[in-house]
Amino acid sequence: MADTNRTVLVVGDDRTPASLADLTAFAFDVADRLGLPAQVAVGMQYDVNDYAGIVVDCDWLESAASIVLVTEAQNADMFVIDAATLYTFPTDEKCGHCGEEGDAAPVLVGDTWTSSVHATCAEAHARVASLAYPIAV
């Protein structure tokens, strides 16, 4: 089992390819604003207790799986925020790999966005992250 305790689970409408693409793009914003890896939830096969928290997209009520995951997280008294709250956080300008400020952005590895990193650090960061926090690719 992957160590996801630093990863945020992102839930929303995943019923169509277009809605899944929108959810994946939203997960980029989650990783960029919270400075944590953000994994897109597809279906209900996730144990919410394995994650640092849940971020819900604005259309999460369109998906039965999202409703179940959010309810489980709330019942477990976990960190749960919605999209409106997320957008009150500033973007993360600090590289999660080298620690320097400026022009950092999350990188998609499998179904998970990394924390923000410089383009020059992305490959090394993904390699290190896969060792510390294995990500299914």
C-alpha atoms as a PDB file:
ATOM      1  CA  MET A   1       0.000   0.000   0.000  1.00  0.00           C
ATOM      2  CA  ALA A   2       1.229   3.461  -0.910  1.00  0.00           C
ATOM      3  CA  ASP A   3       2.111   5.881   1.873  1.00  0.00           C
ATOM      4  CA  THR A   4      -0.365   8.672   1.154  1.00  0.00           C
ATOM      5  CA  ASN A   5      -0.383  10.405   4.547  1.00  0.00           C
ATOM      6  CA  ARG A   6       0.989  13.639   3.012  1.00  0.00           C
ATOM      7  CA  THR A   7      -1.257  13.447  -0.046  1.00  0.00           C
ATOM      8  CA  VAL A   8      -4.612  15.190  -0.370  1.00  0.00           C
ATOM      9  CA  LEU A   9      -7.438  13.288  -2.067  1.00  0.00           C
ATOM     10  CA  VAL A  10      -9.350  15.375  -4.615  1.00  0.00           C
ATOM     11  CA  VAL A  11     -12.950  14.364  -5.234  1.00  0.00           C
ATOM     12  CA  GLY A  12     -15.492  15.563  -7.762  1.00  0.00           C
ATOM     13  CA  ASP A  13     -17.382  14.500 -10.847  1.00  0.00           C
ATOM     14  CA  ASP A  14     -15.451  11.770 -12.681  1.00  0.00           C
ATOM     15  CA  ARG A  15     -18.343  10.302 -14.716  1.00  0.00           C
ATOM     16  CA  THR A  16     -17.197  11.430 -18.175  1.00  0.00           C
ATOM     17  CA  PRO A  17     -13.799  11.974 -19.785  1.00  0.00           C
ATOM     18  CA  ALA A  18     -14.481  15.734 -19.858  1.00  0.00           C
ATOM     19  CA  SER A  19     -15.452  15.893 -16.183  1.00  0.00           C
ATOM     20  CA  LEU A  20     -12.423  13.762 -15.234  1.00  0.00           C
ATOM     21  CA  ALA A  21     -10.183  16.148 -17.198  1.00  0.00           C
ATOM     22  CA  ASP A  22     -11.719  19.070 -15.300  1.00  0.00           C
ATOM     23  CA  LEU A  23     -11.185  17.277 -11.983  1.00  0.00           C
ATOM     24  CA  THR A  24      -7.555  16.544 -12.896  1.00  0.00           C
ATOM     25  CA  ALA A  25      -7.018  20.222 -13.733  1.00  0.00           C
ATOM     26  CA  PHE A  26      -8.603  21.188 -10.401  1.00  0.00           C
ATOM     27  CA  ALA A  27      -6.208  18.809  -8.618  1.00  0.00           C
ATOM     28  CA  PHE A  28      -3.326  20.838 -10.116  1.00  0.00           C
ATOM     29  CA  ASP A  29      -4.725  23.906  -8.343  1.00  0.00           C
ATOM     30  CA  VAL A  30      -5.024  21.909  -5.110  1.00  0.00           C
ATOM     31  CA  ALA A  31      -1.359  20.851  -5.214  1.00  0.00           C
ATOM     32  CA  ASP A  32      -0.268  24.343  -6.242  1.00  0.00           C
ATOM     33  CA  ARG A  33      -2.147  26.114  -3.458  1.00  0.00           C
ATOM     34  CA  LEU A  34      -1.702  23.659  -0.578  1.00  0.00           C
ATOM     35  CA  GLY A  35       1.884  22.647  -1.389  1.00  0.00           C
ATOM     36  CA  LEU A  36       0.974  18.965  -1.006  1.00  0.00           C
ATOM     37  CA  PRO A  37       0.640  16.164  -3.536  1.00  0.00           C
ATOM     38  CA  ALA A  38      -2.959  15.876  -4.760  1.00  0.00           C
ATOM     39  CA  GLN A  39      -4.390  12.564  -5.969  1.00  0.00           C
ATOM     40  CA  VAL A  40      -7.529  12.465  -8.130  1.00  0.00           C
ATOM     41  CA  ALA A  41     -10.132  10.055  -6.761  1.00  0.00           C
ATOM     42  CA  VAL A  42     -11.756   7.930  -9.440  1.00  0.00           C
ATOM     43  CA  GLY A  43     -14.444   5.742  -7.889  1.00  0.00           C
ATOM     44  CA  MET A  44     -14.847   4.798  -4.227  1.00  0.00           C
ATOM     45  CA  GLN A  45     -11.903   2.438  -3.665  1.00  0.00           C
ATOM     46  CA  TYR A  46     -10.058   4.857  -1.371  1.00  0.00           C
ATOM     47  CA  ASP A  47      -9.664   4.752   2.403  1.00  0.00           C
ATOM     48  CA  VAL A  48      -9.963   8.433   3.298  1.00  0.00           C
ATOM     49  CA  ASN A  49      -8.051   7.811   6.530  1.00  0.00           C
ATOM     50  CA  ASP A  50      -4.921   7.193   4.443  1.00  0.00           C
ATOM     51  CA  TYR A  51      -4.895  10.832   3.266  1.00  0.00           C
ATOM     52  CA  ALA A  52      -4.002  14.160   4.854  1.00  0.00           C
ATOM     53  CA  GLY A  53      -7.396  15.515   3.852  1.00  0.00           C
ATOM     54  CA  ILE A  54     -10.031  15.865   1.173  1.00  0.00           C
ATOM     55  CA  VAL A  55     -10.616  18.739  -1.233  1.00  0.00           C
ATOM     56  CA  VAL A  56     -13.947  18.755  -3.036  1.00  0.00           C
ATOM     57  CA  ASP A  57     -14.536  20.249  -6.460  1.00  0.00           C
ATOM     58  CA  CYS A  58     -17.600  22.419  -6.986  1.00  0.00           C
ATOM     59  CA  ASP A  59     -19.532  19.658  -8.790  1.00  0.00           C
ATOM     60  CA  TRP A  60     -18.826  16.856  -6.299  1.00  0.00           C
ATOM     61  CA  LEU A  61     -22.544  16.274  -5.676  1.00  0.00           C
ATOM     62  CA  GLU A  62     -22.839  14.967  -9.249  1.00  0.00           C
ATOM     63  CA  SER A  63     -20.846  11.849  -8.330  1.00  0.00           C
ATOM     64  CA  ALA A  64     -22.087   9.160  -5.948  1.00  0.00           C
ATOM     65  CA  ALA A  65     -18.484   8.131  -5.258  1.00  0.00           C
ATOM     66  CA  SER A  66     -17.605  11.691  -4.223  1.00  0.00           C
ATOM     67  CA  ILE A  67     -20.594  11.908  -1.915  1.00  0.00           C
ATOM     68  CA  VAL A  68     -19.539   8.684  -0.195  1.00  0.00           C
ATOM     69  CA  LEU A  69     -15.881   9.766   0.167  1.00  0.00           C
ATOM     70  CA  VAL A  70     -16.753  13.211   1.513  1.00  0.00           C
ATOM     71  CA  THR A  71     -19.224  11.714   3.984  1.00  0.00           C
ATOM     72  CA  GLU A  72     -16.605   9.205   5.172  1.00  0.00           C
ATOM     73  CA  ALA A  73     -14.054  12.002   5.615  1.00  0.00           C
ATOM     74  CA  GLN A  74     -16.492  14.197   7.538  1.00  0.00           C
ATOM     75  CA  ASN A  75     -17.468  11.269   9.764  1.00  0.00           C
ATOM     76  CA  ALA A  76     -13.765  10.699  10.465  1.00  0.00           C
ATOM     77  CA  ASP A  77     -13.426  14.400  11.395  1.00  0.00           C
ATOM     78  CA  MET A  78     -10.839  14.935   8.675  1.00  0.00           C
ATOM     79  CA  PHE A  79      -9.648  18.091   6.953  1.00  0.00           C
ATOM     80  CA  VAL A  80     -12.256  18.718   4.215  1.00  0.00           C
ATOM     81  CA  ILE A  81     -12.435  21.930   2.195  1.00  0.00           C
ATOM     82  CA  ASP A  82     -14.335  22.983  -0.890  1.00  0.00           C
ATOM     83  CA  ALA A  83     -13.119  24.743  -4.022  1.00  0.00           C
ATOM     84  CA  ALA A  84     -14.152  28.207  -2.803  1.00  0.00           C
ATOM     85  CA  THR A  85     -12.058  27.799   0.345  1.00  0.00           C
ATOM     86  CA  LEU A  86      -9.122  26.390  -1.628  1.00  0.00           C
ATOM     87  CA  TYR A  87      -8.971  29.476  -3.814  1.00  0.00           C
ATOM     88  CA  THR A  88      -8.430  31.681  -0.758  1.00  0.00           C
ATOM     89  CA  PHE A  89      -4.961  30.083  -0.412  1.00  0.00           C
ATOM     90  CA  PRO A  90      -2.134  31.687  -2.435  1.00  0.00           C
ATOM     91  CA  THR A  91      -0.271  29.640  -5.034  1.00  0.00           C
ATOM     92  CA  ASP A  92       2.911  27.965  -3.796  1.00  0.00           C
ATOM     93  CA  GLU A  93       5.937  29.695  -5.328  1.00  0.00           C
ATOM     94  CA  LYS A  94       8.501  27.629  -3.399  1.00  0.00           C
ATOM     95  CA  CYS A  95      10.010  24.541  -5.030  1.00  0.00           C
ATOM     96  CA  GLY A  96       9.193  21.412  -3.039  1.00  0.00           C
ATOM     97  CA  HIS A  97      12.475  19.836  -4.159  1.00  0.00           C
ATOM     98  CA  CYS A  98      15.240  22.468  -3.889  1.00  0.00           C
ATOM     99  CA  GLY A  99      13.388  24.907  -1.608  1.00  0.00           C
ATOM    100  CA  GLU A 100      14.071  27.978  -3.751  1.00  0.00           C
ATOM    101  CA  GLU A 101      11.357  30.538  -4.577  1.00  0.00           C
ATOM    102  CA  GLY A 102      10.020  31.279  -8.050  1.00  0.00           C
ATOM    103  CA  ASP A 103       8.203  29.750 -11.000  1.00  0.00           C
ATOM    104  CA  ALA A 104       7.350  26.409  -9.378  1.00  0.00           C
ATOM    105  CA  ALA A 105       4.316  24.347 -10.406  1.00  0.00           C
ATOM    106  CA  PRO A 106       2.977  20.843  -9.687  1.00  0.00           C
ATOM    107  CA  VAL A 107       3.843  17.966 -12.064  1.00  0.00           C
ATOM    108  CA  LEU A 108       1.418  15.142 -12.892  1.00  0.00           C
ATOM    109  CA  VAL A 109       2.832  11.692 -12.065  1.00  0.00           C
ATOM    110  CA  GLY A 110       0.256   8.976 -12.766  1.00  0.00           C
ATOM    111  CA  ASP A 111      -2.970  10.196 -11.132  1.00  0.00           C
ATOM    112  CA  THR A 112      -1.238  12.454  -8.588  1.00  0.00           C
ATOM    113  CA  TRP A 113       0.030  16.028  -8.878  1.00  0.00           C
ATOM    114  CA  THR A 114       3.288  16.580  -6.985  1.00  0.00           C
ATOM    115  CA  SER A 115       3.862  19.591  -4.771  1.00  0.00           C
ATOM    116  CA  SER A 116       5.090  22.633  -6.723  1.00  0.00           C
ATOM    117  CA  VAL A 117       8.573  22.218  -8.237  1.00  0.00           C
ATOM    118  CA  HIS A 118      10.781  24.027 -10.750  1.00  0.00           C
ATOM    119  CA  ALA A 119      10.819  22.525 -14.234  1.00  0.00           C
ATOM    120  CA  THR A 120      14.517  21.710 -13.759  1.00  0.00           C
ATOM    121  CA  CYS A 121      13.760  19.835 -10.499  1.00  0.00           C
ATOM    122  CA  ALA A 122      10.675  17.919 -11.711  1.00  0.00           C
ATOM    123  CA  GLU A 123      12.390  14.669 -12.746  1.00  0.00           C
ATOM    124  CA  ALA A 124      14.519  14.431  -9.603  1.00  0.00           C
ATOM    125  CA  HIS A 125      11.525  15.345  -7.418  1.00  0.00           C
ATOM    126  CA  ALA A 126       9.326  12.663  -8.995  1.00  0.00           C
ATOM    127  CA  ARG A 127      12.075  10.088  -8.476  1.00  0.00           C
ATOM    128  CA  VAL A 128      12.505  11.045  -4.794  1.00  0.00           C
ATOM    129  CA  ALA A 129       8.743  11.272  -4.225  1.00  0.00           C
ATOM    130  CA  SER A 130       8.218   7.793  -5.655  1.00  0.00           C
ATOM    131  CA  LEU A 131      10.639   6.414  -3.076  1.00  0.00           C
ATOM    132  CA  ALA A 132       9.210   8.282  -0.078  1.00  0.00           C
ATOM    133  CA  TYR A 133       5.549   8.332  -1.135  1.00  0.00           C
ATOM    134  CA  PRO A 134       5.013   5.654  -3.782  1.00  0.00           C
ATOM    135  CA  ILE A 135       2.598   6.779  -6.460  1.00  0.00           C
ATOM    136  CA  ALA A 136       0.823   4.343  -8.759  1.00  0.00           C
ATOM    137  CA  VAL A 137       1.898   5.126 -12.340  1.00  0.00           C
END
